[in-house]
């Protein structure tokens, strides 16, 4: 079970970067926002899997809390970009 949680967190965690990278070659503003919104979903999923790892005590909380902090920062940054892009699109 430990490997399943680790695999899922690795999969969703790396998908954040992949979707951000894909957004850089978006075909439109809507496509750019869509790809970043997928990255946000993957960020939230990563947080979920990391919290499960902590709750199951498979990996110590001390090791995962810094990673959770970084995921939260990434989510805030990406969310701010999405909000600003949507505001600019409406003007």
PDB file of N, CA and C in Angstrom:
ATOM      1  N   UNK A   1       0.824  -1.187   0.000  1.00  0.00           N
ATOM      2  CA  UNK A   1       0.000   0.000   0.000  1.00  0.00           C
ATOM      3  C   UNK A   1       0.872   1.256   0.000  1.00  0.00           C
ATOM      4  N   UNK A   2       1.989   1.207   0.665  1.00  0.00           N
ATOM      5  CA  UNK A   2       2.885   2.360   0.714  1.00  0.00           C
ATOM      6  C   UNK A   2       3.289   2.785  -0.692  1.00  0.00           C
ATOM      7  N   UNK A   3       3.624   1.805  -1.529  1.00  0.00           N
ATOM      8  CA  UNK A   3       4.072   2.131  -2.880  1.00  0.00           C
ATOM      9  C   UNK A   3       2.950   2.730  -3.713  1.00  0.00           C
ATOM     10  N   UNK A   4       1.715   2.296  -3.461  1.00  0.00           N
ATOM     11  CA  UNK A   4       0.567   2.858  -4.174  1.00  0.00           C
ATOM     12  C   UNK A   4       0.434   4.348  -3.874  1.00  0.00           C
ATOM     13  N   UNK A   5       0.471   4.712  -2.586  1.00  0.00           N
ATOM     14  CA  UNK A   5       0.360   6.122  -2.196  1.00  0.00           C
ATOM     15  C   UNK A   5       1.512   6.940  -2.769  1.00  0.00           C
ATOM     16  N   UNK A   6       2.692   6.390  -2.700  1.00  0.00           N
ATOM     17  CA  UNK A   6       3.866   7.095  -3.223  1.00  0.00           C
ATOM     18  C   UNK A   6       3.737   7.265  -4.731  1.00  0.00           C
ATOM     19  N   UNK A   7       3.327   6.200  -5.419  1.00  0.00           N
ATOM     20  CA  UNK A   7       3.161   6.255  -6.875  1.00  0.00           C
ATOM     21  C   UNK A   7       2.131   7.317  -7.256  1.00  0.00           C
ATOM     22  N   UNK A   8       0.983   7.335  -6.562  1.00  0.00           N
ATOM     23  CA  UNK A   8      -0.067   8.294  -6.884  1.00  0.00           C
ATOM     24  C   UNK A   8       0.392   9.741  -6.637  1.00  0.00           C
ATOM     25  N   UNK A   9       1.110   9.955  -5.543  1.00  0.00           N
ATOM     26  CA  UNK A   9       1.581  11.319  -5.260  1.00  0.00           C
ATOM     27  C   UNK A   9       2.649  11.734  -6.267  1.00  0.00           C
ATOM     28  N   UNK A  10       3.491  10.801  -6.679  1.00  0.00           N
ATOM     29  CA  UNK A  10       4.508  11.102  -7.690  1.00  0.00           C
ATOM     30  C   UNK A  10       3.852  11.409  -9.034  1.00  0.00           C
ATOM     31  N   UNK A  11       2.859  10.621  -9.387  1.00  0.00           N
ATOM     32  CA  UNK A  11       2.174  10.798 -10.666  1.00  0.00           C
ATOM     33  C   UNK A  11       1.476  12.163 -10.730  1.00  0.00           C
ATOM     34  N   UNK A  12       0.693  12.484  -9.706  1.00  0.00           N
ATOM     35  CA  UNK A  12      -0.020  13.764  -9.733  1.00  0.00           C
ATOM     36  C   UNK A  12       0.936  14.938  -9.533  1.00  0.00           C
ATOM     37  N   UNK A  13       1.964  14.731  -8.721  1.00  0.00           N
ATOM     38  CA  UNK A  13       2.939  15.798  -8.470  1.00  0.00           C
ATOM     39  C   UNK A  13       3.718  16.187  -9.710  1.00  0.00           C
ATOM     40  N   UNK A  14       4.122  15.200 -10.496  1.00  0.00           N
ATOM     41  CA  UNK A  14       4.862  15.520 -11.721  1.00  0.00           C
ATOM     42  C   UNK A  14       3.940  16.054 -12.810  1.00  0.00           C
ATOM     43  N   UNK A  15       2.661  15.729 -12.711  1.00  0.00           N
ATOM     44  CA  UNK A  15       1.697  16.238 -13.688  1.00  0.00           C
ATOM     45  C   UNK A  15       1.505  17.747 -13.554  1.00  0.00           C
ATOM     46  N   UNK A  16       1.728  18.279 -12.364  1.00  0.00           N
ATOM     47  CA  UNK A  16       1.632  19.735 -12.179  1.00  0.00           C
ATOM     48  C   UNK A  16       2.605  20.418 -13.134  1.00  0.00           C
ATOM     49  N   UNK A  17       3.850  20.017 -13.068  1.00  0.00           N
ATOM     50  CA  UNK A  17       4.880  20.616 -13.919  1.00  0.00           C
ATOM     51  C   UNK A  17       4.632  20.380 -15.390  1.00  0.00           C
ATOM     52  N   UNK A  18       4.163  19.179 -15.726  1.00  0.00           N
ATOM     53  CA  UNK A  18       3.894  18.867 -17.130  1.00  0.00           C
ATOM     54  C   UNK A  18       2.803  19.775 -17.690  1.00  0.00           C
ATOM     55  N   UNK A  19       1.770  20.014 -16.918  1.00  0.00           N
ATOM     56  CA  UNK A  19       0.686  20.878 -17.398  1.00  0.00           C
ATOM     57  C   UNK A  19       1.087  22.340 -17.450  1.00  0.00           C
ATOM     58  N   UNK A  20       1.892  22.787 -16.502  1.00  0.00           N
ATOM     59  CA  UNK A  20       2.410  24.152 -16.565  1.00  0.00           C
ATOM     60  C   UNK A  20       3.279  24.303 -17.810  1.00  0.00           C
ATOM     61  N   UNK A  21       4.111  23.324 -18.072  1.00  0.00           N
ATOM     62  CA  UNK A  21       4.961  23.361 -19.273  1.00  0.00           C
ATOM     63  C   UNK A  21       4.103  23.390 -20.541  1.00  0.00           C
ATOM     64  N   UNK A  22       3.063  22.573 -20.576  1.00  0.00           N
ATOM     65  CA  UNK A  22       2.156  22.554 -21.724  1.00  0.00           C
ATOM     66  C   UNK A  22       1.460  23.900 -21.911  1.00  0.00           C
ATOM     67  N   UNK A  23       1.169  24.580 -20.811  1.00  0.00           N
ATOM     68  CA  UNK A  23       0.483  25.871 -20.916  1.00  0.00           C
ATOM     69  C   UNK A  23       1.334  26.897 -21.659  1.00  0.00           C
ATOM     70  N   UNK A  24       2.635  26.702 -21.641  1.00  0.00           N
ATOM     71  CA  UNK A  24       3.534  27.654 -22.300  1.00  0.00           C
ATOM     72  C   UNK A  24       3.412  27.611 -23.821  1.00  0.00           C
ATOM     73  N   UNK A  25       2.841  26.540 -24.345  1.00  0.00           N
ATOM     74  CA  UNK A  25       2.633  26.464 -25.793  1.00  0.00           C
ATOM     75  C   UNK A  25       1.146  26.364 -26.122  1.00  0.00           C
ATOM     76  N   UNK A  26       0.332  26.968 -25.274  1.00  0.00           N
ATOM     77  CA  UNK A  26      -1.119  26.949 -25.475  1.00  0.00           C
ATOM     78  C   UNK A  26      -1.484  27.642 -26.782  1.00  0.00           C
ATOM     79  N   UNK A  27      -2.553  27.174 -27.381  1.00  0.00           N
ATOM     80  CA  UNK A  27      -2.984  27.724 -28.662  1.00  0.00           C
ATOM     81  C   UNK A  27      -3.861  28.957 -28.510  1.00  0.00           C
ATOM     82  N   UNK A  28      -4.327  29.201 -27.297  1.00  0.00           N
ATOM     83  CA  UNK A  28      -5.166  30.369 -27.044  1.00  0.00           C
ATOM     84  C   UNK A  28      -5.117  30.680 -25.553  1.00  0.00           C
ATOM     85  N   UNK A  29      -5.680  31.809 -25.190  1.00  0.00           N
ATOM     86  CA  UNK A  29      -5.750  32.163 -23.768  1.00  0.00           C
ATOM     87  C   UNK A  29      -6.611  31.150 -23.024  1.00  0.00           C
ATOM     88  N   UNK A  30      -7.702  30.721 -23.640  1.00  0.00           N
ATOM     89  CA  UNK A  30      -8.577  29.731 -23.006  1.00  0.00           C
ATOM     90  C   UNK A  30      -7.826  28.412 -22.793  1.00  0.00           C
ATOM     91  N   UNK A  31      -7.027  28.015 -23.760  1.00  0.00           N
ATOM     92  CA  UNK A  31      -6.227  26.793 -23.644  1.00  0.00           C
ATOM     93  C   UNK A  31      -5.185  26.936 -22.541  1.00  0.00           C
ATOM     94  N   UNK A  32      -4.572  28.112 -22.449  1.00  0.00           N
ATOM     95  CA  UNK A  32      -3.593  28.406 -21.399  1.00  0.00           C
ATOM     96  C   UNK A  32      -4.229  28.242 -20.020  1.00  0.00           C
ATOM     97  N   UNK A  33      -5.388  28.860 -19.840  1.00  0.00           N
ATOM     98  CA  UNK A  33      -6.097  28.781 -18.560  1.00  0.00           C
ATOM     99  C   UNK A  33      -6.496  27.340 -18.272  1.00  0.00           C
ATOM    100  N   UNK A  34      -6.990  26.649 -19.266  1.00  0.00           N
ATOM    101  CA  UNK A  34      -7.425  25.259 -19.081  1.00  0.00           C
ATOM    102  C   UNK A  34      -6.279  24.377 -18.586  1.00  0.00           C
ATOM    103  N   UNK A  35      -5.125  24.505 -19.202  1.00  0.00           N
ATOM    104  CA  UNK A  35      -3.976  23.695 -18.795  1.00  0.00           C
ATOM    105  C   UNK A  35      -3.527  24.027 -17.364  1.00  0.00           C
ATOM    106  N   UNK A  36      -3.572  25.293 -17.008  1.00  0.00           N
ATOM    107  CA  UNK A  36      -3.220  25.673 -15.640  1.00  0.00           C
ATOM    108  C   UNK A  36      -4.263  25.186 -14.640  1.00  0.00           C
ATOM    109  N   UNK A  37      -5.526  25.173 -15.041  1.00  0.00           N
ATOM    110  CA  UNK A  37      -6.562  24.647 -14.150  1.00  0.00           C
ATOM    111  C   UNK A  37      -6.376  23.146 -13.921  1.00  0.00           C
ATOM    112  N   UNK A  38      -5.908  22.433 -14.933  1.00  0.00           N
ATOM    113  CA  UNK A  38      -5.584  21.018 -14.745  1.00  0.00           C
ATOM    114  C   UNK A  38      -4.428  20.889 -13.761  1.00  0.00           C
ATOM    115  N   UNK A  39      -3.427  21.749 -13.889  1.00  0.00           N
ATOM    116  CA  UNK A  39      -2.298  21.732 -12.949  1.00  0.00           C
ATOM    117  C   UNK A  39      -2.789  21.974 -11.520  1.00  0.00           C
ATOM    118  N   UNK A  40      -3.770  22.856 -11.344  1.00  0.00           N
ATOM    119  CA  UNK A  40      -4.337  23.104 -10.012  1.00  0.00           C
ATOM    120  C   UNK A  40      -5.012  21.846  -9.459  1.00  0.00           C
ATOM    121  N   UNK A  41      -5.766  21.162 -10.305  1.00  0.00           N
ATOM    122  CA  UNK A  41      -6.412  19.921  -9.876  1.00  0.00           C
ATOM    123  C   UNK A  41      -5.375  18.878  -9.464  1.00  0.00           C
ATOM    124  N   UNK A  42      -4.314  18.788 -10.230  1.00  0.00           N
ATOM    125  CA  UNK A  42      -3.251  17.834  -9.905  1.00  0.00           C
ATOM    126  C   UNK A  42      -2.562  18.223  -8.602  1.00  0.00           C
ATOM    127  N   UNK A  43      -2.431  19.517  -8.353  1.00  0.00           N
ATOM    128  CA  UNK A  43      -1.850  19.984  -7.100  1.00  0.00           C
ATOM    129  C   UNK A  43      -2.699  19.577  -5.907  1.00  0.00           C
ATOM    130  N   UNK A  44      -4.013  19.759  -6.053  1.00  0.00           N
ATOM    131  CA  UNK A  44      -4.910  19.356  -4.966  1.00  0.00           C
ATOM    132  C   UNK A  44      -4.886  17.848  -4.756  1.00  0.00           C
ATOM    133  N   UNK A  45      -4.801  17.101  -5.846  1.00  0.00           N
ATOM    134  CA  UNK A  45      -4.712  15.643  -5.716  1.00  0.00           C
ATOM    135  C   UNK A  45      -3.411  15.234  -5.027  1.00  0.00           C
ATOM    136  N   UNK A  46      -2.328  15.898  -5.356  1.00  0.00           N
ATOM    137  CA  UNK A  46      -1.039  15.611  -4.713  1.00  0.00           C
ATOM    138  C   UNK A  46      -1.121  15.858  -3.213  1.00  0.00           C
ATOM    139  N   UNK A  47      -1.748  16.979  -2.826  1.00  0.00           N
ATOM    140  CA  UNK A  47      -1.937  17.254  -1.396  1.00  0.00           C
ATOM    141  C   UNK A  47      -2.708  16.124  -0.723  1.00  0.00           C
ATOM    142  N   UNK A  48      -3.726  15.629  -1.383  1.00  0.00           N
ATOM    143  CA  UNK A  48      -4.534  14.539  -0.842  1.00  0.00           C
ATOM    144  C   UNK A  48      -3.668  13.305  -0.572  1.00  0.00           C
ATOM    145  N   UNK A  49      -2.885  12.889  -1.566  1.00  0.00           N
ATOM    146  CA  UNK A  49      -2.054  11.689  -1.406  1.00  0.00           C
ATOM    147  C   UNK A  49      -0.989  11.887  -0.340  1.00  0.00           C
ATOM    148  N   UNK A  50      -0.410  13.067  -0.274  1.00  0.00           N
ATOM    149  CA  UNK A  50       0.591  13.324   0.767  1.00  0.00           C
ATOM    150  C   UNK A  50      -0.037  13.298   2.163  1.00  0.00           C
ATOM    151  N   UNK A  51      -1.240  13.844   2.294  1.00  0.00           N
ATOM    152  CA  UNK A  51      -1.924  13.785   3.590  1.00  0.00           C
ATOM    153  C   UNK A  51      -2.250  12.350   3.979  1.00  0.00           C
ATOM    154  N   UNK A  52      -2.600  11.515   2.991  1.00  0.00           N
ATOM    155  CA  UNK A  52      -2.838  10.098   3.281  1.00  0.00           C
ATOM    156  C   UNK A  52      -1.554   9.412   3.742  1.00  0.00           C
ATOM    157  N   UNK A  53      -0.448   9.752   3.116  1.00  0.00           N
ATOM    158  CA  UNK A  53       0.832   9.181   3.547  1.00  0.00           C
ATOM    159  C   UNK A  53       1.141   9.565   4.989  1.00  0.00           C
ATOM    160  N   UNK A  54       0.847  10.805   5.347  1.00  0.00           N
ATOM    161  CA  UNK A  54       1.070  11.249   6.728  1.00  0.00           C
ATOM    162  C   UNK A  54       0.128  10.513   7.674  1.00  0.00           C
ATOM    163  N   UNK A  55      -1.150  10.456   7.317  1.00  0.00           N
ATOM    164  CA  UNK A  55      -2.143   9.817   8.185  1.00  0.00           C
ATOM    165  C   UNK A  55      -1.858   8.336   8.393  1.00  0.00           C
ATOM    166  N   UNK A  56      -1.347   7.693   7.361  1.00  0.00           N
ATOM    167  CA  UNK A  56      -1.057   6.258   7.469  1.00  0.00           C
ATOM    168  C   UNK A  56       0.269   5.993   8.182  1.00  0.00           C
ATOM    169  N   UNK A  57       1.010   7.068   8.443  1.00  0.00           N
ATOM    170  CA  UNK A  57       2.312   6.984   9.102  1.00  0.00           C
ATOM    171  C   UNK A  57       3.317   6.141   8.312  1.00  0.00           C
ATOM    172  N   UNK A  58       3.122   6.085   6.992  1.00  0.00           N
ATOM    173  CA  UNK A  58       4.076   5.367   6.138  1.00  0.00           C
ATOM    174  C   UNK A  58       5.355   6.168   5.946  1.00  0.00           C
ATOM    175  N   UNK A  59       5.209   7.494   5.931  1.00  0.00           N
ATOM    176  CA  UNK A  59       6.357   8.397   5.856  1.00  0.00           C
ATOM    177  C   UNK A  59       6.142   9.439   6.944  1.00  0.00           C
ATOM    178  N   UNK A  60       7.194   9.806   7.615  1.00  0.00           N
ATOM    179  CA  UNK A  60       7.045  10.718   8.751  1.00  0.00           C
ATOM    180  C   UNK A  60       6.527  12.084   8.301  1.00  0.00           C
ATOM    181  N   UNK A  61       5.730  12.658   9.167  1.00  0.00           N
ATOM    182  CA  UNK A  61       5.159  13.977   8.908  1.00  0.00           C
ATOM    183  C   UNK A  61       6.256  15.015   8.706  1.00  0.00           C
ATOM    184  N   UNK A  62       7.348  14.898   9.459  1.00  0.00           N
ATOM    185  CA  UNK A  62       8.466  15.836   9.342  1.00  0.00           C
ATOM    186  C   UNK A  62       9.030  15.880   7.924  1.00  0.00           C
ATOM    187  N   UNK A  63       9.016  14.749   7.241  1.00  0.00           N
ATOM    188  CA  UNK A  63       9.559  14.697   5.882  1.00  0.00           C
ATOM    189  C   UNK A  63       8.588  15.259   4.851  1.00  0.00           C
ATOM    190  N   UNK A  64       7.281  15.145   5.124  1.00  0.00           N
ATOM    191  CA  UNK A  64       6.296  15.546   4.125  1.00  0.00           C
ATOM    192  C   UNK A  64       5.759  16.961   4.298  1.00  0.00           C
ATOM    193  N   UNK A  65       5.819  17.512   5.489  1.00  0.00           N
ATOM    194  CA  UNK A  65       5.295  18.868   5.698  1.00  0.00           C
ATOM    195  C   UNK A  65       5.974  19.919   4.816  1.00  0.00           C
ATOM    196  N   UNK A  66       7.303  19.874   4.649  1.00  0.00           N
ATOM    197  CA  UNK A  66       7.914  20.855   3.739  1.00  0.00           C
ATOM    198  C   UNK A  66       7.415  20.705   2.293  1.00  0.00           C
ATOM    199  N   UNK A  67       7.186  19.484   1.880  1.00  0.00           N
ATOM    200  CA  UNK A  67       6.679  19.250   0.521  1.00  0.00           C
ATOM    201  C   UNK A  67       5.255  19.773   0.401  1.00  0.00           C
ATOM    202  N   UNK A  68       4.436  19.526   1.417  1.00  0.00           N
ATOM    203  CA  UNK A  68       3.075  20.067   1.415  1.00  0.00           C
ATOM    204  C   UNK A  68       3.090  21.592   1.344  1.00  0.00           C
ATOM    205  N   UNK A  69       4.021  22.204   2.058  1.00  0.00           N
ATOM    206  CA  UNK A  69       4.156  23.660   2.004  1.00  0.00           C
ATOM    207  C   UNK A  69       4.479  24.145   0.604  1.00  0.00           C
ATOM    208  N   UNK A  70       5.363  23.429  -0.065  1.00  0.00           N
ATOM    209  CA  UNK A  70       5.728  23.817  -1.430  1.00  0.00           C
ATOM    210  C   UNK A  70       4.566  23.611  -2.397  1.00  0.00           C
ATOM    211  N   UNK A  71       3.821  22.535  -2.209  1.00  0.00           N
ATOM    212  CA  UNK A  71       2.650  22.300  -3.059  1.00  0.00           C
ATOM    213  C   UNK A  71       1.639  23.433  -2.862  1.00  0.00           C
ATOM    214  N   UNK A  72       1.428  23.830  -1.610  1.00  0.00           N
ATOM    215  CA  UNK A  72       0.508  24.936  -1.343  1.00  0.00           C
ATOM    216  C   UNK A  72       0.971  26.220  -2.027  1.00  0.00           C
ATOM    217  N   UNK A  73       2.260  26.480  -1.999  1.00  0.00           N
ATOM    218  CA  UNK A  73       2.795  27.671  -2.670  1.00  0.00           C
ATOM    219  C   UNK A  73       2.573  27.597  -4.177  1.00  0.00           C
ATOM    220  N   UNK A  74       2.834  26.434  -4.760  1.00  0.00           N
ATOM    221  CA  UNK A  74       2.615  26.255  -6.197  1.00  0.00           C
ATOM    222  C   UNK A  74       1.154  26.493  -6.554  1.00  0.00           C
ATOM    223  N   UNK A  75       0.261  25.933  -5.751  1.00  0.00           N
ATOM    224  CA  UNK A  75      -1.171  26.102  -6.001  1.00  0.00           C
ATOM    225  C   UNK A  75      -1.548  27.582  -5.946  1.00  0.00           C
ATOM    226  N   UNK A  76      -1.027  28.304  -4.963  1.00  0.00           N
ATOM    227  CA  UNK A  76      -1.331  29.734  -4.851  1.00  0.00           C
ATOM    228  C   UNK A  76      -0.803  30.516  -6.046  1.00  0.00           C
ATOM    229  N   UNK A  77       0.393  30.195  -6.487  1.00  0.00           N
ATOM    230  CA  UNK A  77       0.981  30.896  -7.633  1.00  0.00           C
ATOM    231  C   UNK A  77       0.177  30.622  -8.902  1.00  0.00           C
ATOM    232  N   UNK A  78      -0.109  29.357  -9.145  1.00  0.00           N
ATOM    233  CA  UNK A  78      -0.857  28.990 -10.358  1.00  0.00           C
ATOM    234  C   UNK A  78      -2.261  29.585 -10.313  1.00  0.00           C
ATOM    235  N   UNK A  79      -2.900  29.532  -9.151  1.00  0.00           N
ATOM    236  CA  UNK A  79      -4.251  30.102  -9.017  1.00  0.00           C
ATOM    237  C   UNK A  79      -4.234  31.597  -9.294  1.00  0.00           C
ATOM    238  N   UNK A  80      -3.218  32.294  -8.813  1.00  0.00           N
ATOM    239  CA  UNK A  80      -3.114  33.737  -9.055  1.00  0.00           C
ATOM    240  C   UNK A  80      -2.947  34.024 -10.548  1.00  0.00           C
ATOM    241  N   UNK A  81      -2.181  33.214 -11.230  1.00  0.00           N
ATOM    242  CA  UNK A  81      -2.005  33.388 -12.677  1.00  0.00           C
ATOM    243  C   UNK A  81      -3.329  33.175 -13.403  1.00  0.00           C
ATOM    244  N   UNK A  82      -4.066  32.145 -13.003  1.00  0.00           N
ATOM    245  CA  UNK A  82      -5.363  31.862 -13.628  1.00  0.00           C
ATOM    246  C   UNK A  82      -6.327  33.032 -13.400  1.00  0.00           C
ATOM    247  N   UNK A  83      -6.422  33.498 -12.180  1.00  0.00           N
ATOM    248  CA  UNK A  83      -7.337  34.608 -11.863  1.00  0.00           C
ATOM    249  C   UNK A  83      -6.952  35.852 -12.666  1.00  0.00           C
ATOM    250  N   UNK A  84      -5.684  36.206 -12.684  1.00  0.00           N
ATOM    251  CA  UNK A  84      -5.222  37.407 -13.395  1.00  0.00           C
ATOM    252  C   UNK A  84      -5.466  37.273 -14.900  1.00  0.00           C
ATOM    253  N   UNK A  85      -5.204  36.085 -15.439  1.00  0.00           N
ATOM    254  CA  UNK A  85      -5.417  35.869 -16.874  1.00  0.00           C
ATOM    255  C   UNK A  85      -6.889  36.001 -17.214  1.00  0.00           C
ATOM    256  N   UNK A  86      -7.763  35.451 -16.381  1.00  0.00           N
ATOM    257  CA  UNK A  86      -9.206  35.574 -16.630  1.00  0.00           C
ATOM    258  C   UNK A  86      -9.656  37.027 -16.532  1.00  0.00           C
ATOM    259  N   UNK A  87      -9.120  37.768 -15.566  1.00  0.00           N
ATOM    260  CA  UNK A  87      -9.466  39.199 -15.437  1.00  0.00           C
ATOM    261  C   UNK A  87      -9.026  39.966 -16.663  1.00  0.00           C
ATOM    262  N   UNK A  88      -7.809  39.705 -17.131  1.00  0.00           N
ATOM    263  CA  UNK A  88      -7.287  40.399 -18.314  1.00  0.00           C
ATOM    264  C   UNK A  88      -8.084  40.062 -19.556  1.00  0.00           C
ATOM    265  N   UNK A  89      -8.584  38.844 -19.630  1.00  0.00           N
ATOM    266  CA  UNK A  89      -9.361  38.403 -20.785  1.00  0.00           C
ATOM    267  C   UNK A  89     -10.705  39.117 -20.850  1.00  0.00           C
ATOM    268  N   UNK A  90     -11.255  39.477 -19.702  1.00  0.00           N
ATOM    269  CA  UNK A  90     -12.553  40.142 -19.641  1.00  0.00           C
ATOM    270  C   UNK A  90     -12.462  41.627 -19.991  1.00  0.00           C
ATOM    271  N   UNK A  91     -11.273  42.190 -19.955  1.00  0.00           N
ATOM    272  CA  UNK A  91     -11.126  43.630 -20.234  1.00  0.00           C
ATOM    273  C   UNK A  91     -11.113  43.939 -21.699  1.00  0.00           C
TER     274      UNK A  91
END
